[in-house]
Protein backbone atom coordinates (compact mmCIF):
# COMPACT_ATOMS: atom_id res chain seq x y z
CA MET A 1 12.90 22.28 -74.04
CA ARG A 2 16.22 24.90 -72.90
CA ASP A 3 17.73 21.61 -71.79
CA LEU A 4 17.04 19.61 -75.03
CA VAL A 5 18.86 22.17 -76.95
CA SER A 6 21.66 23.02 -74.71
CA ASP A 7 25.65 22.85 -74.92
CA GLU A 8 25.62 20.18 -72.72
CA ALA A 9 23.21 18.24 -74.67
CA TRP A 10 24.76 19.09 -77.98
CA LEU A 11 28.11 17.98 -76.58
CA ALA A 12 26.18 14.95 -75.23
CA ALA A 13 24.92 14.13 -78.72
CA LEU A 14 28.43 14.71 -80.42
CA LEU A 15 30.18 12.26 -78.17
CA THR A 16 27.07 10.03 -78.49
CA VAL A 17 27.84 10.08 -82.52
CA GLU A 18 31.19 9.59 -81.85
CA ALA A 19 31.08 6.62 -79.72
CA THR A 20 28.79 4.61 -82.01
CA LEU A 21 30.85 5.45 -85.20
CA ALA A 22 33.57 3.32 -82.94
CA ARG A 23 31.54 0.62 -82.13
CA VAL A 24 29.88 0.48 -85.48
CA GLN A 25 33.64 0.35 -87.25
CA ALA A 26 34.61 -2.29 -84.79
CA ASP A 27 31.75 -4.60 -85.49
CA ALA A 28 32.65 -4.28 -89.50
CA GLY A 29 36.12 -5.15 -88.43
CA LEU A 30 37.61 -1.48 -89.67
CA ILE A 31 39.11 -0.98 -86.46
CA PRO A 32 40.11 -3.04 -83.35
CA ALA A 33 37.46 -3.80 -80.97
CA SER A 34 39.55 -2.33 -78.25
CA SER A 35 40.03 1.14 -79.56
CA ALA A 36 35.97 1.21 -80.08
CA ASP A 37 35.68 0.17 -76.21
CA ALA A 38 38.67 3.02 -75.49
CA ILE A 39 37.08 5.60 -77.58
CA ALA A 40 33.26 5.04 -75.96
CA GLY A 41 34.98 5.19 -72.17
CA ILE A 42 36.64 8.71 -73.03
CA CYS A 43 32.80 10.19 -74.45
CA ARG A 44 31.41 11.02 -71.46
CA PRO A 45 30.39 14.75 -71.50
CA GLU A 46 32.23 15.32 -68.29
CA ARG A 47 35.47 15.25 -69.36
CA TYR A 48 35.67 18.04 -71.67
CA ASP A 49 35.66 21.76 -71.10
CA ILE A 50 32.54 23.30 -72.60
CA ALA A 51 33.67 26.75 -72.86
CA ALA A 52 37.16 25.70 -74.38
CA LEU A 53 35.27 24.00 -77.21
CA GLY A 54 33.25 26.58 -78.04
CA ALA A 55 35.52 29.06 -78.14
CA ALA A 56 37.62 26.87 -80.42
CA ALA A 57 34.58 26.23 -82.38
CA ALA A 58 34.53 29.60 -82.97
CA GLU A 59 37.97 29.43 -84.44
CA SER A 60 37.12 26.21 -86.75
CA GLY A 61 33.37 27.23 -87.88
CA ASN A 62 32.40 23.69 -86.62
CA PRO A 63 32.31 22.14 -83.05
CA VAL A 64 33.39 18.83 -83.89
CA ILE A 65 36.73 19.68 -85.32
CA PRO A 66 37.97 20.73 -81.88
CA LEU A 67 36.11 17.94 -80.13
CA VAL A 68 38.03 15.24 -82.42
CA VAL A 69 41.50 17.17 -81.31
CA ALA A 70 40.24 16.53 -77.61
CA LEU A 71 39.03 12.94 -77.80
CA ARG A 72 42.43 11.85 -79.86
CA ASP A 73 44.45 13.61 -76.84
CA ALA A 74 42.32 11.83 -74.35
CA VAL A 75 42.81 8.40 -76.00
CA GLY A 76 46.12 8.44 -76.32
CA PRO A 77 48.54 7.85 -79.51
CA ALA A 78 47.89 4.52 -79.61
CA VAL A 79 44.08 4.28 -80.34
CA ALA A 80 43.94 8.32 -81.50
CA PRO A 81 44.20 7.19 -85.68
CA ASP A 82 41.07 5.17 -84.86
CA VAL A 83 38.71 8.43 -83.32
CA HIS A 84 36.67 9.67 -85.80
CA SER A 85 38.11 7.38 -88.69
CA GLY A 86 36.54 8.17 -91.58
CA ALA A 87 34.23 10.56 -90.85
CA THR A 88 33.82 13.90 -91.38
CA SER A 89 33.19 17.07 -89.12
CA GLN A 90 29.98 17.61 -91.10
CA ASP A 91 28.99 13.79 -90.94
CA VAL A 92 29.47 13.75 -86.65
CA LEU A 93 27.64 17.40 -86.47
CA ASP A 94 24.29 16.27 -89.14
CA SER A 95 24.02 13.08 -86.73
CA ALA A 96 24.20 14.57 -83.58
CA ALA A 97 21.80 17.70 -85.05
CA MET A 98 19.17 14.86 -85.84
CA LEU A 99 18.96 13.18 -82.39
CA ILE A 100 18.57 16.90 -80.79
CA ALA A 101 15.53 17.44 -83.05
CA GLY A 102 14.27 14.18 -82.71
CA ARG A 103 14.33 14.36 -78.66
CA ALA A 104 12.67 18.29 -79.28
CA VAL A 105 10.13 17.25 -81.77
CA ASP A 106 9.26 14.58 -79.15
CA ALA A 107 8.95 17.22 -76.26
CA LEU A 108 7.34 19.64 -78.34
CA LEU A 109 4.86 17.27 -80.03
CA GLY A 110 3.79 16.43 -76.18
CA ASP A 111 3.48 20.49 -75.33
CA LEU A 112 1.34 20.68 -78.75
CA ASP A 113 -1.24 17.73 -77.41
CA GLY A 114 -1.57 19.86 -74.26
CA ALA A 115 -2.49 23.19 -76.37
CA ILE A 116 -4.73 20.90 -78.14
CA ALA A 117 -6.82 19.46 -75.92
CA ALA A 118 -7.13 22.68 -73.49
CA ALA A 119 -8.38 24.72 -76.75
CA ALA A 120 -10.82 21.76 -77.53
CA GLY A 121 -11.79 22.15 -73.89
CA LEU A 122 -12.55 25.77 -74.33
CA ALA A 123 -14.60 25.17 -77.63
CA ARG A 124 -16.61 22.38 -76.15
CA THR A 125 -17.35 24.50 -72.73
CA HIS A 126 -18.25 27.70 -74.80
CA ARG A 127 -19.56 25.88 -77.79
CA ASP A 128 -22.72 28.12 -77.50
CA THR A 129 -21.90 31.29 -76.67
CA PRO A 130 -22.44 34.19 -78.43
CA MET A 131 -19.48 36.45 -80.19
CA ALA A 132 -19.17 38.93 -82.77
CA GLY A 133 -18.18 37.44 -86.10
CA ARG A 134 -15.49 38.79 -88.24
CA THR A 135 -15.10 39.41 -91.88
CA LEU A 136 -12.29 41.49 -93.15
CA LEU A 137 -11.37 42.75 -90.11
CA GLN A 138 -15.42 44.28 -89.97
CA ARG A 139 -18.14 42.45 -87.57
CA ALA A 140 -20.10 40.46 -89.40
CA VAL A 141 -23.04 38.45 -88.32
CA PRO A 142 -22.63 36.78 -85.06
CA VAL A 143 -21.28 33.29 -84.05
CA THR A 144 -20.68 31.29 -81.20
CA PHE A 145 -16.84 30.65 -80.06
CA GLY A 146 -17.43 26.87 -80.67
CA ARG A 147 -17.92 27.82 -84.66
CA ALA A 148 -15.24 30.12 -84.69
CA GLY A 149 -12.73 28.61 -82.14
CA PRO A 150 -10.31 26.27 -82.29
CA PRO A 151 -10.09 24.80 -86.29
CA GLY A 152 -9.49 21.57 -87.90
CA PRO A 153 -6.26 20.80 -85.43
CA VAL A 154 -8.28 20.23 -81.92
CA ARG A 155 -9.74 17.15 -84.35
CA GLY A 156 -7.10 15.29 -84.57
CA ARG A 157 -3.27 15.76 -85.60
CA ALA A 158 -1.27 12.57 -86.90
CA ARG A 159 2.32 12.56 -85.52
CA PRO A 160 4.91 12.47 -87.76
CA HIS A 161 6.03 9.33 -89.46
CA ARG A 162 9.30 8.22 -88.14
CA PRO A 163 10.70 5.61 -90.77
CA ASP A 164 11.80 1.82 -90.22
CA PRO A 165 16.02 2.61 -90.32
CA ALA A 166 15.97 -0.99 -91.95
CA VAL A 167 13.05 -0.20 -94.56
CA ALA A 168 14.52 2.76 -95.02
CA HIS A 169 18.16 1.05 -95.64
CA ARG A 170 16.45 -1.30 -98.46
CA ALA A 171 14.24 1.45 -100.10
CA HIS A 172 17.63 3.86 -100.54
CA PRO A 173 18.61 4.44 -104.54
CA ASP A 174 21.74 3.13 -104.57
CA ARG A 175 20.02 -0.04 -103.07
CA ARG A 176 17.65 -0.86 -105.88
CA PRO A 177 18.35 -2.89 -109.19
CA GLY A 178 19.24 -0.78 -111.77
CA ARG A 179 20.44 2.09 -109.84
CA ARG A 180 24.06 3.29 -109.60
CA ALA A 181 25.89 1.94 -106.51
CA ARG A 182 27.79 4.09 -104.19
CA HIS A 183 30.99 3.52 -106.48
CA GLY A 184 29.95 4.22 -109.66
CA VAL A 185 29.05 0.62 -111.03
CA ARG A 186 25.37 0.05 -112.18
CA ARG A 187 23.60 -2.63 -111.45
CA ASP A 188 21.23 -5.39 -113.46
CA ARG A 189 18.11 -6.62 -112.31
CA GLU A 190 19.71 -9.59 -110.31
CA GLY A 191 22.11 -7.32 -108.38
CA GLY A 192 25.26 -7.56 -110.62
CA PRO A 193 27.68 -5.36 -112.23
CA ARG A 194 25.92 -4.16 -115.86
CA ARG A 195 28.25 -3.10 -118.73
CA ASP A 196 27.50 -0.11 -120.57
CA PRO A 197 27.68 -0.92 -124.54
CA ALA A 198 28.65 2.17 -125.48
CA ARG A 199 31.43 1.82 -123.22
CA ALA A 200 32.50 -1.23 -123.89
CA ASP A 201 32.56 -0.37 -128.20
CA ARG A 202 34.93 2.51 -127.11
CA THR A 203 37.18 0.44 -125.33
CA ARG A 204 37.65 -1.94 -128.25
């Protein structure tokens, strides 16, 4: 687990986001494909001094800021404007945090499954072993360990739902008919722009 949230893991996640951002922007025609290739080529953790980035992050309050400076220096002046284009440092930091969290959750759930299985086995082994019952820190009627032992989670645990990104995109409020679009234009049920009668009256 420590390796999954280490400084090295964070740097790798930040670089993954920057490289992916460049690839997606190239696919959308926002930057040249050659720029995306160059950016992806320098997004390798071993190229960067983690200690230096950490020291710079302490001054800026965000590790993405010095990382972007380092990326632009590494890629050269011709491609530098295409690095981190259209994104904020918080965008990149939040996306990297989700990559880190996703990997950590998978590891935590594996450990939790092991603990649940061990607790369930212990309860089965000692299902008839008597022990003192307790209520409000006082002894009560004797019970068995199997009865008083591991509670509900041992009987089953649902893993967290991971939504399909395509479904989440379609369900986003900005994508639904009648909702306000990203650029402030309301849409009718057919998806076209809808006029506001009150605004139309005011502009006559």
